[in-house]
């Protein structure tokens, strides 16, 4: 399923951003959608995931309490609400999808078959 992320953005520390991930053509029903991020010099990190039609979510410890993932069936879109952003959240954020399951996959990167093009999120101090 082709995935497209919205523009991420530039924000000051403690600010908020809400990028989204949309599917082109196919419904996201029966998919798990995840967000991953890649910061320069770091390994790619799983951030959060959601079972699109059940709403079950899972978060990395680094973003718990600050980030919220949600899905909108009517718009076939997943949102990533990012609050209280920190400079260390600066990264390219990718959405990804895997089908054939209705439970979270614990952000295991190899489980995700479809990837968006990535969007830059920059948090200034």
C-alpha atoms as a PDB file:
ATOM      1  CA  UNK A   1       0.000   0.000   0.000  1.00  0.00           C
ATOM      2  CA  UNK A   2       1.553   3.353  -1.007  1.00  0.00           C
ATOM      3  CA  UNK A   3       2.043   5.624   2.007  1.00  0.00           C
ATOM      4  CA  UNK A   4       2.532   9.361   2.012  1.00  0.00           C
ATOM      5  CA  UNK A   5       3.572  11.423   5.018  1.00  0.00           C
ATOM      6  CA  UNK A   6       2.641  15.044   5.414  1.00  0.00           C
ATOM      7  CA  UNK A   7       5.292  17.702   5.862  1.00  0.00           C
ATOM      8  CA  UNK A   8       6.845  17.440   9.341  1.00  0.00           C
ATOM      9  CA  UNK A   9       8.028  20.876  10.298  1.00  0.00           C
ATOM     10  CA  UNK A  10      10.291  23.027  12.425  1.00  0.00           C
ATOM     11  CA  UNK A  11       9.292  23.862  15.972  1.00  0.00           C
ATOM     12  CA  UNK A  12      10.873  25.151  19.154  1.00  0.00           C
ATOM     13  CA  UNK A  13      11.384  22.889  22.156  1.00  0.00           C
ATOM     14  CA  UNK A  14       8.156  22.175  24.069  1.00  0.00           C
ATOM     15  CA  UNK A  15       6.166  22.853  20.919  1.00  0.00           C
ATOM     16  CA  UNK A  16       3.810  20.520  19.046  1.00  0.00           C
ATOM     17  CA  UNK A  17       3.465  19.047  15.583  1.00  0.00           C
ATOM     18  CA  UNK A  18       0.904  16.706  14.039  1.00  0.00           C
ATOM     19  CA  UNK A  19       2.138  14.977  10.904  1.00  0.00           C
ATOM     20  CA  UNK A  20      -0.074  12.400   9.259  1.00  0.00           C
ATOM     21  CA  UNK A  21       0.333   9.304   7.127  1.00  0.00           C
ATOM     22  CA  UNK A  22      -2.179   8.642   4.368  1.00  0.00           C
ATOM     23  CA  UNK A  23      -2.681   5.646   2.128  1.00  0.00           C
ATOM     24  CA  UNK A  24      -3.108   6.110  -1.584  1.00  0.00           C
ATOM     25  CA  UNK A  25      -5.673   3.800  -3.091  1.00  0.00           C
ATOM     26  CA  UNK A  26      -5.893   0.893  -0.634  1.00  0.00           C
ATOM     27  CA  UNK A  27      -7.802   0.920   2.637  1.00  0.00           C
ATOM     28  CA  UNK A  28      -5.747   0.670   5.816  1.00  0.00           C
ATOM     29  CA  UNK A  29      -8.256  -1.719   7.357  1.00  0.00           C
ATOM     30  CA  UNK A  30      -6.391  -4.849   8.511  1.00  0.00           C
ATOM     31  CA  UNK A  31      -3.104  -2.960   8.662  1.00  0.00           C
ATOM     32  CA  UNK A  32      -0.855  -2.026  11.550  1.00  0.00           C
ATOM     33  CA  UNK A  33       0.642   1.407  10.967  1.00  0.00           C
ATOM     34  CA  UNK A  34       3.861   2.400  12.659  1.00  0.00           C
ATOM     35  CA  UNK A  35       6.012   5.492  12.910  1.00  0.00           C
ATOM     36  CA  UNK A  36       9.763   5.180  12.959  1.00  0.00           C
ATOM     37  CA  UNK A  37      12.420   7.851  13.110  1.00  0.00           C
ATOM     38  CA  UNK A  38      15.999   8.113  11.919  1.00  0.00           C
ATOM     39  CA  UNK A  39      18.304  10.686  13.447  1.00  0.00           C
ATOM     40  CA  UNK A  40      21.697  11.419  11.981  1.00  0.00           C
ATOM     41  CA  UNK A  41      24.273   9.089  13.500  1.00  0.00           C
ATOM     42  CA  UNK A  42      21.670   6.928  15.192  1.00  0.00           C
ATOM     43  CA  UNK A  43      19.913   3.695  14.355  1.00  0.00           C
ATOM     44  CA  UNK A  44      16.332   3.863  13.166  1.00  0.00           C
ATOM     45  CA  UNK A  45      14.015   3.832  16.164  1.00  0.00           C
ATOM     46  CA  UNK A  46      10.452   2.604  16.421  1.00  0.00           C
ATOM     47  CA  UNK A  47       8.258   5.341  17.878  1.00  0.00           C
ATOM     48  CA  UNK A  48       4.684   4.103  17.962  1.00  0.00           C
ATOM     49  CA  UNK A  49       2.182   1.875  16.173  1.00  0.00           C
ATOM     50  CA  UNK A  50      -1.561   1.423  15.896  1.00  0.00           C
ATOM     51  CA  UNK A  51      -3.844  -1.366  14.737  1.00  0.00           C
ATOM     52  CA  UNK A  52      -5.799   0.751  12.296  1.00  0.00           C
ATOM     53  CA  UNK A  53      -9.311  -0.659  12.715  1.00  0.00           C
ATOM     54  CA  UNK A  54      -9.042  -1.675  16.401  1.00  0.00           C
ATOM     55  CA  UNK A  55      -7.199   1.353  17.759  1.00  0.00           C
ATOM     56  CA  UNK A  56      -4.757  -0.705  19.811  1.00  0.00           C
ATOM     57  CA  UNK A  57      -1.563   1.284  20.310  1.00  0.00           C
ATOM     58  CA  UNK A  58       1.994   0.795  21.476  1.00  0.00           C
ATOM     59  CA  UNK A  59       4.646   3.414  22.260  1.00  0.00           C
ATOM     60  CA  UNK A  60       8.382   3.520  22.730  1.00  0.00           C
ATOM     61  CA  UNK A  61       9.363   4.604  26.245  1.00  0.00           C
ATOM     62  CA  UNK A  62      11.052   7.689  24.846  1.00  0.00           C
ATOM     63  CA  UNK A  63       7.761   9.179  23.660  1.00  0.00           C
ATOM     64  CA  UNK A  64       5.198   7.844  26.138  1.00  0.00           C
ATOM     65  CA  UNK A  65       3.070  10.615  27.543  1.00  0.00           C
ATOM     66  CA  UNK A  66       4.161  13.039  24.819  1.00  0.00           C
ATOM     67  CA  UNK A  67       3.136  11.421  21.521  1.00  0.00           C
ATOM     68  CA  UNK A  68      -0.282  10.091  20.564  1.00  0.00           C
ATOM     69  CA  UNK A  69      -1.084   8.009  17.505  1.00  0.00           C
ATOM     70  CA  UNK A  70      -4.620   7.856  16.167  1.00  0.00           C
ATOM     71  CA  UNK A  71      -6.453   6.607  13.114  1.00  0.00           C
ATOM     72  CA  UNK A  72      -9.324   8.012  11.057  1.00  0.00           C
ATOM     73  CA  UNK A  73     -11.142   5.359   9.069  1.00  0.00           C
ATOM     74  CA  UNK A  74     -13.100   7.835   6.985  1.00  0.00           C
ATOM     75  CA  UNK A  75      -9.934   9.597   5.845  1.00  0.00           C
ATOM     76  CA  UNK A  76      -7.801   6.455   5.673  1.00  0.00           C
ATOM     77  CA  UNK A  77      -5.181   8.350   7.627  1.00  0.00           C
ATOM     78  CA  UNK A  78      -3.045   7.933  10.739  1.00  0.00           C
ATOM     79  CA  UNK A  79      -2.030  10.959  12.793  1.00  0.00           C
ATOM     80  CA  UNK A  80       0.969  11.430  15.066  1.00  0.00           C
ATOM     81  CA  UNK A  81       0.323  14.126  17.655  1.00  0.00           C
ATOM     82  CA  UNK A  82       3.677  15.150  19.091  1.00  0.00           C
ATOM     83  CA  UNK A  83       3.622  17.368  22.178  1.00  0.00           C
ATOM     84  CA  UNK A  84       6.374  18.691  24.430  1.00  0.00           C
ATOM     85  CA  UNK A  85       8.891  18.136  21.680  1.00  0.00           C
ATOM     86  CA  UNK A  86      12.569  17.988  22.589  1.00  0.00           C
ATOM     87  CA  UNK A  87      15.655  18.648  20.460  1.00  0.00           C
ATOM     88  CA  UNK A  88      16.414  14.921  20.647  1.00  0.00           C
ATOM     89  CA  UNK A  89      13.161  14.254  18.772  1.00  0.00           C
ATOM     90  CA  UNK A  90      14.773  15.790  15.692  1.00  0.00           C
ATOM     91  CA  UNK A  91      14.811  13.121  12.984  1.00  0.00           C
ATOM     92  CA  UNK A  92      13.328  11.992   9.701  1.00  0.00           C
ATOM     93  CA  UNK A  93      10.047  10.319  10.556  1.00  0.00           C
ATOM     94  CA  UNK A  94       8.730   7.457   8.464  1.00  0.00           C
ATOM     95  CA  UNK A  95       5.362   5.787   8.548  1.00  0.00           C
ATOM     96  CA  UNK A  96       5.205   2.114   7.735  1.00  0.00           C
ATOM     97  CA  UNK A  97       2.544  -0.532   7.356  1.00  0.00           C
ATOM     98  CA  UNK A  98       2.144  -4.242   7.781  1.00  0.00           C
ATOM     99  CA  UNK A  99      -0.941  -6.314   7.005  1.00  0.00           C
ATOM    100  CA  UNK A 100      -2.271  -9.677   8.023  1.00  0.00           C
ATOM    101  CA  UNK A 101      -2.466  -8.976  11.760  1.00  0.00           C
ATOM    102  CA  UNK A 102      -4.839  -7.294  14.193  1.00  0.00           C
ATOM    103  CA  UNK A 103      -2.351  -6.953  17.044  1.00  0.00           C
ATOM    104  CA  UNK A 104       0.629  -4.658  17.498  1.00  0.00           C
ATOM    105  CA  UNK A 105       3.961  -6.083  16.410  1.00  0.00           C
ATOM    106  CA  UNK A 106       6.062  -4.385  19.130  1.00  0.00           C
ATOM    107  CA  UNK A 107       7.651  -2.055  16.581  1.00  0.00           C
ATOM    108  CA  UNK A 108       9.703  -4.864  15.066  1.00  0.00           C
ATOM    109  CA  UNK A 109      11.006  -3.092  12.007  1.00  0.00           C
ATOM    110  CA  UNK A 110      11.303  -6.190   9.841  1.00  0.00           C
ATOM    111  CA  UNK A 111       7.558  -6.799  10.207  1.00  0.00           C
ATOM    112  CA  UNK A 112       6.728  -3.686   8.199  1.00  0.00           C
ATOM    113  CA  UNK A 113       6.523  -4.176   4.448  1.00  0.00           C
ATOM    114  CA  UNK A 114       5.471  -0.739   3.217  1.00  0.00           C
ATOM    115  CA  UNK A 115       7.248   2.532   3.938  1.00  0.00           C
ATOM    116  CA  UNK A 116       6.597   6.180   3.256  1.00  0.00           C
ATOM    117  CA  UNK A 117       9.199   8.574   1.910  1.00  0.00           C
ATOM    118  CA  UNK A 118       9.949  10.173   5.269  1.00  0.00           C
ATOM    119  CA  UNK A 119       9.390  13.662   6.604  1.00  0.00           C
ATOM    120  CA  UNK A 120      11.822  15.892   8.486  1.00  0.00           C
ATOM    121  CA  UNK A 121      10.956  17.016  11.998  1.00  0.00           C
ATOM    122  CA  UNK A 122      13.325  19.540  13.531  1.00  0.00           C
ATOM    123  CA  UNK A 123      13.098  20.743  17.122  1.00  0.00           C
ATOM    124  CA  UNK A 124      15.233  23.713  18.055  1.00  0.00           C
ATOM    125  CA  UNK A 125      16.418  24.393  21.593  1.00  0.00           C
END
